[in-house]
C-alpha atoms as a PDB file:
ATOM      1  CA  MET A   1      95.145  71.228  77.763  1.00  0.00           C
ATOM      2  CA  ILE A   2      95.804  73.559  80.644  1.00  0.00           C
ATOM      3  CA  ALA A   3      98.649  76.067  80.222  1.00  0.00           C
ATOM      4  CA  LYS A   4     100.873  75.498  83.183  1.00  0.00           C
ATOM      5  CA  ASP A   5     103.763  77.695  84.270  1.00  0.00           C
ATOM      6  CA  ASP A   6     106.951  76.266  85.587  1.00  0.00           C
ATOM      7  CA  TYR A   7     107.950  79.535  87.386  1.00  0.00           C
ATOM      8  CA  VAL A   8     105.922  82.178  89.193  1.00  0.00           C
ATOM      9  CA  ILE A   9     106.784  85.729  90.295  1.00  0.00           C
ATOM     10  CA  VAL A  10     105.867  86.613  93.838  1.00  0.00           C
ATOM     11  CA  LEU A  11     103.322  89.361  94.172  1.00  0.00           C
ATOM     12  CA  ASP A  12     102.606  89.190  97.947  1.00  0.00           C
ATOM     13  CA  PHE A  13     104.044  87.014 100.826  1.00  0.00           C
ATOM     14  CA  LEU A  14     101.623  86.307 103.622  1.00  0.00           C
ATOM     15  CA  GLN A  15     103.874  84.934 106.388  1.00  0.00           C
ATOM     16  CA  HIS A  16     100.924  83.691 108.466  1.00  0.00           C
ATOM     17  CA  GLY A  17      98.582  82.863 105.682  1.00  0.00           C
ATOM     18  CA  LYS A  18      95.360  84.585 104.882  1.00  0.00           C
ATOM     19  CA  PRO A  19      93.199  85.713 107.808  1.00  0.00           C
ATOM     20  CA  SER A  20      90.356  83.509 106.538  1.00  0.00           C
ATOM     21  CA  ASP A  21      92.496  80.374 106.567  1.00  0.00           C
ATOM     22  CA  ARG A  22      92.358  77.874 109.307  1.00  0.00           C
ATOM     23  CA  ARG A  23      95.927  76.817 108.657  1.00  0.00           C
ATOM     24  CA  ALA A  24      98.503  79.394 109.597  1.00  0.00           C
ATOM     25  CA  GLU A  25     101.091  78.514 106.977  1.00  0.00           C
ATOM     26  CA  PRO A  26     103.198  80.866 104.809  1.00  0.00           C
ATOM     27  CA  VAL A  27     101.412  81.658 101.484  1.00  0.00           C
ATOM     28  CA  VAL A  28     102.422  83.512  98.375  1.00  0.00           C
ATOM     29  CA  GLN A  29     100.165  85.062  95.894  1.00  0.00           C
ATOM     30  CA  CYS A  30     101.946  84.964  92.564  1.00  0.00           C
ATOM     31  CA  VAL A  31     101.577  85.134  88.784  1.00  0.00           C
ATOM     32  CA  GLY A  32     103.008  82.730  86.240  1.00  0.00           C
ATOM     33  CA  ASP A  33     105.853  84.038  84.222  1.00  0.00           C
ATOM     34  CA  LYS A  34     104.582  82.789  80.809  1.00  0.00           C
ATOM     35  CA  PHE A  35     100.840  82.021  80.910  1.00  0.00           C
ATOM     36  CA  PHE A  36     100.012  84.577  83.657  1.00  0.00           C
ATOM     37  CA  ASN A  37      98.250  82.007  85.914  1.00  0.00           C
ATOM     38  CA  LEU A  38      97.270  83.627  89.244  1.00  0.00           C
ATOM     39  CA  LEU A  39      98.119  81.144  92.005  1.00  0.00           C
ATOM     40  CA  GLU A  40      98.432  80.732  95.729  1.00  0.00           C
ATOM     41  CA  VAL A  41     101.361  78.708  96.769  1.00  0.00           C
ATOM     42  CA  ALA A  42     102.300  77.313 100.215  1.00  0.00           C
ATOM     43  CA  ILE A  43     105.885  78.065 101.087  1.00  0.00           C
ATOM     44  CA  LYS A  44     108.122  75.629 102.979  1.00  0.00           C
ATOM     45  CA  ASP A  45     108.774  76.493 106.668  1.00  0.00           C
ATOM     46  CA  GLY A  46     111.789  78.633 107.224  1.00  0.00           C
ATOM     47  CA  VAL A  47     111.950  79.914 103.695  1.00  0.00           C
ATOM     48  CA  GLY A  48     111.693  83.695 103.231  1.00  0.00           C
ATOM     49  CA  VAL A  49     110.538  85.229  99.953  1.00  0.00           C
ATOM     50  CA  LYS A  50     109.964  88.746  98.804  1.00  0.00           C
ATOM     51  CA  THR A  51     107.948  90.456  96.118  1.00  0.00           C
ATOM     52  CA  LYS A  52     109.286  89.824  92.512  1.00  0.00           C
ATOM     53  CA  ASP A  53     111.252  86.719  93.632  1.00  0.00           C
ATOM     54  CA  ARG A  54     111.008  83.893  90.938  1.00  0.00           C
ATOM     55  CA  LEU A  55     109.919  80.507  92.331  1.00  0.00           C
ATOM     56  CA  TYR A  56     110.024  77.126  90.616  1.00  0.00           C
ATOM     57  CA  ILE A  57     106.623  75.267  90.748  1.00  0.00           C
ATOM     58  CA  GLY A  58     107.095  72.796  87.887  1.00  0.00           C
ATOM     59  CA  GLU A  59     107.626  69.035  88.097  1.00  0.00           C
ATOM     60  CA  GLY A  60     110.355  67.664  90.209  1.00  0.00           C
ATOM     61  CA  LYS A  61     112.136  69.052  93.260  1.00  0.00           C
ATOM     62  CA  ARG A  62     110.947  72.419  94.469  1.00  0.00           C
ATOM     63  CA  ASP A  63     113.361  74.213  96.905  1.00  0.00           C
ATOM     64  CA  GLN A  64     111.059  76.846  98.276  1.00  0.00           C
ATOM     65  CA  VAL A  65     107.471  75.651  97.468  1.00  0.00           C
ATOM     66  CA  LYS A  66     105.660  73.168  99.691  1.00  0.00           C
ATOM     67  CA  TYR A  67     102.648  72.802  97.278  1.00  0.00           C
ATOM     68  CA  ILE A  68     100.381  74.779  95.034  1.00  0.00           C
ATOM     69  CA  ARG A  69      97.231  75.662  96.882  1.00  0.00           C
ATOM     70  CA  GLY A  70      95.337  76.458  93.688  1.00  0.00           C
ATOM     71  CA  ARG A  71      94.330  79.044  91.125  1.00  0.00           C
ATOM     72  CA  ILE A  72      92.814  82.313  92.222  1.00  0.00           C
ATOM     73  CA  ASN A  73      90.923  85.141  90.521  1.00  0.00           C
ATOM     74  CA  TYR A  74      92.195  88.633  90.189  1.00  0.00           C
ATOM     75  CA  SER A  75      89.542  89.782  92.745  1.00  0.00           C
ATOM     76  CA  GLN A  76      91.096  87.407  95.387  1.00  0.00           C
ATOM     77  CA  LEU A  77      94.438  89.134  95.233  1.00  0.00           C
ATOM     78  CA  THR A  78      95.457  91.245  98.234  1.00  0.00           C
ATOM     79  CA  SER A  79      95.666  94.956  97.717  1.00  0.00           C
ATOM     80  CA  TYR A  80      99.451  94.775  97.766  1.00  0.00           C
ATOM     81  CA  ALA A  81      99.428  92.003  95.186  1.00  0.00           C
ATOM     82  CA  LYS A  82      97.212  94.076  92.979  1.00  0.00           C
ATOM     83  CA  ASP A  83      99.694  96.908  93.150  1.00  0.00           C
ATOM     84  CA  SER A  84     102.665  94.607  92.562  1.00  0.00           C
ATOM     85  CA  ILE A  85     101.126  92.919  89.580  1.00  0.00           C
ATOM     86  CA  GLN A  86     101.204  96.043  87.493  1.00  0.00           C
ATOM     87  CA  GLU A  87     104.922  96.372  87.582  1.00  0.00           C
ATOM     88  CA  VAL A  88     105.606  92.592  87.492  1.00  0.00           C
ATOM     89  CA  VAL A  89     103.485  92.005  84.335  1.00  0.00           C
ATOM     90  CA  ALA A  90     105.019  95.039  82.596  1.00  0.00           C
ATOM     91  CA  GLU A  91     108.519  93.622  83.270  1.00  0.00           C
ATOM     92  CA  LEU A  92     107.438  90.157  81.913  1.00  0.00           C
ATOM     93  CA  VAL A  93     106.047  91.683  78.730  1.00  0.00           C
ATOM     94  CA  SER A  94     109.265  93.742  78.241  1.00  0.00           C
ATOM     95  CA  LYS A  95     111.452  90.681  78.886  1.00  0.00           C
ATOM     96  CA  ASP A  96     109.487  88.553  76.342  1.00  0.00           C
ATOM     97  CA  GLU A  97     108.860  91.356  73.808  1.00  0.00           C
ATOM     98  CA  LYS A  98     109.365  89.006  70.816  1.00  0.00           C
ATOM     99  CA  ARG A  99     106.494  86.861  71.865  1.00  0.00           C
ATOM    100  CA  PHE A 100     104.115  89.811  72.091  1.00  0.00           C
ATOM    101  CA  VAL A 101     105.408  91.447  68.891  1.00  0.00           C
ATOM    102  CA  ASP A 102     104.780  88.030  67.167  1.00  0.00           C
ATOM    103  CA  PHE A 103     101.165  88.397  68.117  1.00  0.00           C
ATOM    104  CA  PHE A 104     100.994  91.407  65.772  1.00  0.00           C
ATOM    105  CA  ASN A 105     102.878  89.270  63.124  1.00  0.00           C
ATOM    106  CA  LYS A 106     100.889  86.007  63.394  1.00  0.00           C
ATOM    107  CA  SER A 107      97.398  86.804  64.704  1.00  0.00           C
ATOM    108  CA  ILE A 108      94.477  85.420  62.655  1.00  0.00           C
ATOM    109  CA  PRO A 109      90.814  86.076  62.307  1.00  0.00           C
ATOM    110  CA  LEU A 110      88.491  84.653  64.990  1.00  0.00           C
ATOM    111  CA  THR A 111      85.462  84.788  62.820  1.00  0.00           C
ATOM    112  CA  THR A 112      84.613  86.121  59.386  1.00  0.00           C
ATOM    113  CA  ARG A 113      83.752  89.450  61.087  1.00  0.00           C
ATOM    114  CA  MET A 114      86.356  89.694  63.858  1.00  0.00           C
ATOM    115  CA  HIS A 115      90.110  89.471  63.890  1.00  0.00           C
ATOM    116  CA  SER A 116      92.076  88.614  67.090  1.00  0.00           C
ATOM    117  CA  LEU A 117      93.982  91.929  66.684  1.00  0.00           C
ATOM    118  CA  GLU A 118      90.694  93.746  67.293  1.00  0.00           C
ATOM    119  CA  LEU A 119      90.621  92.339  70.820  1.00  0.00           C
ATOM    120  CA  LEU A 120      93.477  94.698  71.697  1.00  0.00           C
ATOM    121  CA  PRO A 121      92.159  98.068  73.103  1.00  0.00           C
ATOM    122  CA  GLY A 122      92.567 100.773  70.552  1.00  0.00           C
ATOM    123  CA  ILE A 123      92.566  98.650  67.387  1.00  0.00           C
ATOM    124  CA  GLY A 124      89.617  99.047  65.059  1.00  0.00           C
ATOM    125  CA  LYS A 125      89.180  98.210  61.468  1.00  0.00           C
ATOM    126  CA  ARG A 126      91.511 100.965  60.150  1.00  0.00           C
ATOM    127  CA  HIS A 127      94.499  99.921  62.368  1.00  0.00           C
ATOM    128  CA  LEU A 128      93.700  96.290  61.684  1.00  0.00           C
ATOM    129  CA  PHE A 129      94.158  96.754  57.958  1.00  0.00           C
ATOM    130  CA  ASP A 130      97.225  98.963  58.438  1.00  0.00           C
ATOM    131  CA  ILE A 131      98.868  96.276  60.656  1.00  0.00           C
ATOM    132  CA  ILE A 132      98.086  93.463  58.151  1.00  0.00           C
ATOM    133  CA  THR A 133      99.397  95.537  55.262  1.00  0.00           C
ATOM    134  CA  GLU A 134     102.621  96.318  57.153  1.00  0.00           C
ATOM    135  CA  ARG A 135     103.235  92.900  58.281  1.00  0.00           C
ATOM    136  CA  LYS A 136     102.942  91.532  54.713  1.00  0.00           C
ATOM    137  CA  LYS A 137     105.765  93.851  53.676  1.00  0.00           C
ATOM    138  CA  LYS A 138     108.014  92.912  56.583  1.00  0.00           C
ATOM    139  CA  GLN A 139     107.443  91.230  59.958  1.00  0.00           C
ATOM    140  CA  PHE A 140     107.547  93.529  62.934  1.00  0.00           C
ATOM    141  CA  GLU A 141     110.571  93.269  65.131  1.00  0.00           C
ATOM    142  CA  THR A 142     109.802  95.390  68.244  1.00  0.00           C
ATOM    143  CA  PHE A 143     107.004  97.360  69.803  1.00  0.00           C
ATOM    144  CA  LYS A 144     108.639 100.486  68.457  1.00  0.00           C
ATOM    145  CA  ASP A 145     108.713  99.019  64.980  1.00  0.00           C
ATOM    146  CA  VAL A 146     104.969  98.412  65.234  1.00  0.00           C
ATOM    147  CA  GLN A 147     104.222 101.860  66.366  1.00  0.00           C
ATOM    148  CA  ASP A 148     106.562 103.531  63.785  1.00  0.00           C
ATOM    149  CA  ARG A 149     105.085 101.657  60.821  1.00  0.00           C
ATOM    150  CA  VAL A 150     101.404 101.917  61.693  1.00  0.00           C
ATOM    151  CA  PRO A 151     100.143 105.501  61.543  1.00  0.00           C
ATOM    152  CA  MET A 152      98.357 106.945  64.594  1.00  0.00           C
ATOM    153  CA  LEU A 153      98.694 103.562  66.554  1.00  0.00           C
ATOM    154  CA  PRO A 154      98.700 103.889  70.314  1.00  0.00           C
ATOM    155  CA  ASP A 155     101.601 102.395  72.244  1.00  0.00           C
ATOM    156  CA  PRO A 156     101.497  98.589  71.395  1.00  0.00           C
ATOM    157  CA  LYS A 157     103.066  97.549  74.686  1.00  0.00           C
ATOM    158  CA  LYS A 158     100.399  99.425  76.661  1.00  0.00           C
ATOM    159  CA  MET A 159      97.689  97.875  74.478  1.00  0.00           C
ATOM    160  CA  ILE A 160      99.073  94.402  75.385  1.00  0.00           C
ATOM    161  CA  LEU A 161      99.253  95.260  79.079  1.00  0.00           C
ATOM    162  CA  LYS A 162      95.686  96.652  79.056  1.00  0.00           C
ATOM    163  CA  ARG A 163      94.436  93.436  77.321  1.00  0.00           C
ATOM    164  CA  ILE A 164      96.240  91.290  79.893  1.00  0.00           C
ATOM    165  CA  PHE A 165      94.492  93.184  82.808  1.00  0.00           C
ATOM    166  CA  ASN A 166      91.141  92.915  80.986  1.00  0.00           C
ATOM    167  CA  GLU A 167      91.633  89.149  80.867  1.00  0.00           C
ATOM    168  CA  PHE A 168      92.658  89.055  84.545  1.00  0.00           C
ATOM    169  CA  GLU A 169      89.465  90.852  85.372  1.00  0.00           C
ATOM    170  CA  GLU A 170      87.494  88.543  83.025  1.00  0.00           C
ATOM    171  CA  LYS A 171      86.043  91.404  81.001  1.00  0.00           C
ATOM    172  CA  ASP A 172      85.960  89.318  77.778  1.00  0.00           C
ATOM    173  CA  ARG A 173      85.420  85.610  77.081  1.00  0.00           C
ATOM    174  CA  HIS A 174      88.371  85.492  74.676  1.00  0.00           C
ATOM    175  CA  ARG A 175      91.793  84.697  76.012  1.00  0.00           C
ATOM    176  CA  LEU A 176      94.873  85.807  74.153  1.00  0.00           C
ATOM    177  CA  PHE A 177      97.549  85.958  76.885  1.00  0.00           C
ATOM    178  CA  VAL A 178      96.145  84.824  80.279  1.00  0.00           C
ATOM    179  CA  ALA A 179      95.445  81.177  80.972  1.00  0.00           C
ATOM    180  CA  SER A 180      91.792  80.409  81.557  1.00  0.00           C
ATOM    181  CA  SER A 181      90.836  80.351  85.284  1.00  0.00           C
ATOM    182  CA  ILE A 182      88.722  77.236  84.569  1.00  0.00           C
ATOM    183  CA  ILE A 183      90.452  74.017  85.577  1.00  0.00           C
END
């Protein structure tokens, strides 16, 4: 099953489309607000959008979106979109902090030798065992709670963000937070 987003956040608005396109229609490069799908979306004529606008792309009536042009890779983003995505994803992670903290609470082993927590940058065996020990005592509630209860742990939010960007850039075959680019 493909993880589909109902809403996207605008990263860049190309009013006349991409230079390589034959069709000169308004195009938006955007990121899904839940599964972090990278998409290009055609915008209806006469509709103006700006960076960080939230657009509905789900089933049913779409007020601003003409159609979804397709998924794109991180390397296909414009320079402006690559700059925008840093801040947009950080805001999305902050807004949905409970979801990402729950990753620390509910993550499981991938194999007998590797735990999904070890896919986060900065977590080795020592931190892994400390996190598992602490979550058995009491579930983590916030990023600060994780950091306070696990000695010498780097900033958990930054670890999540770094992992998301590693997944955007396809640096690892495992996907924790970003939907697969394969359709």
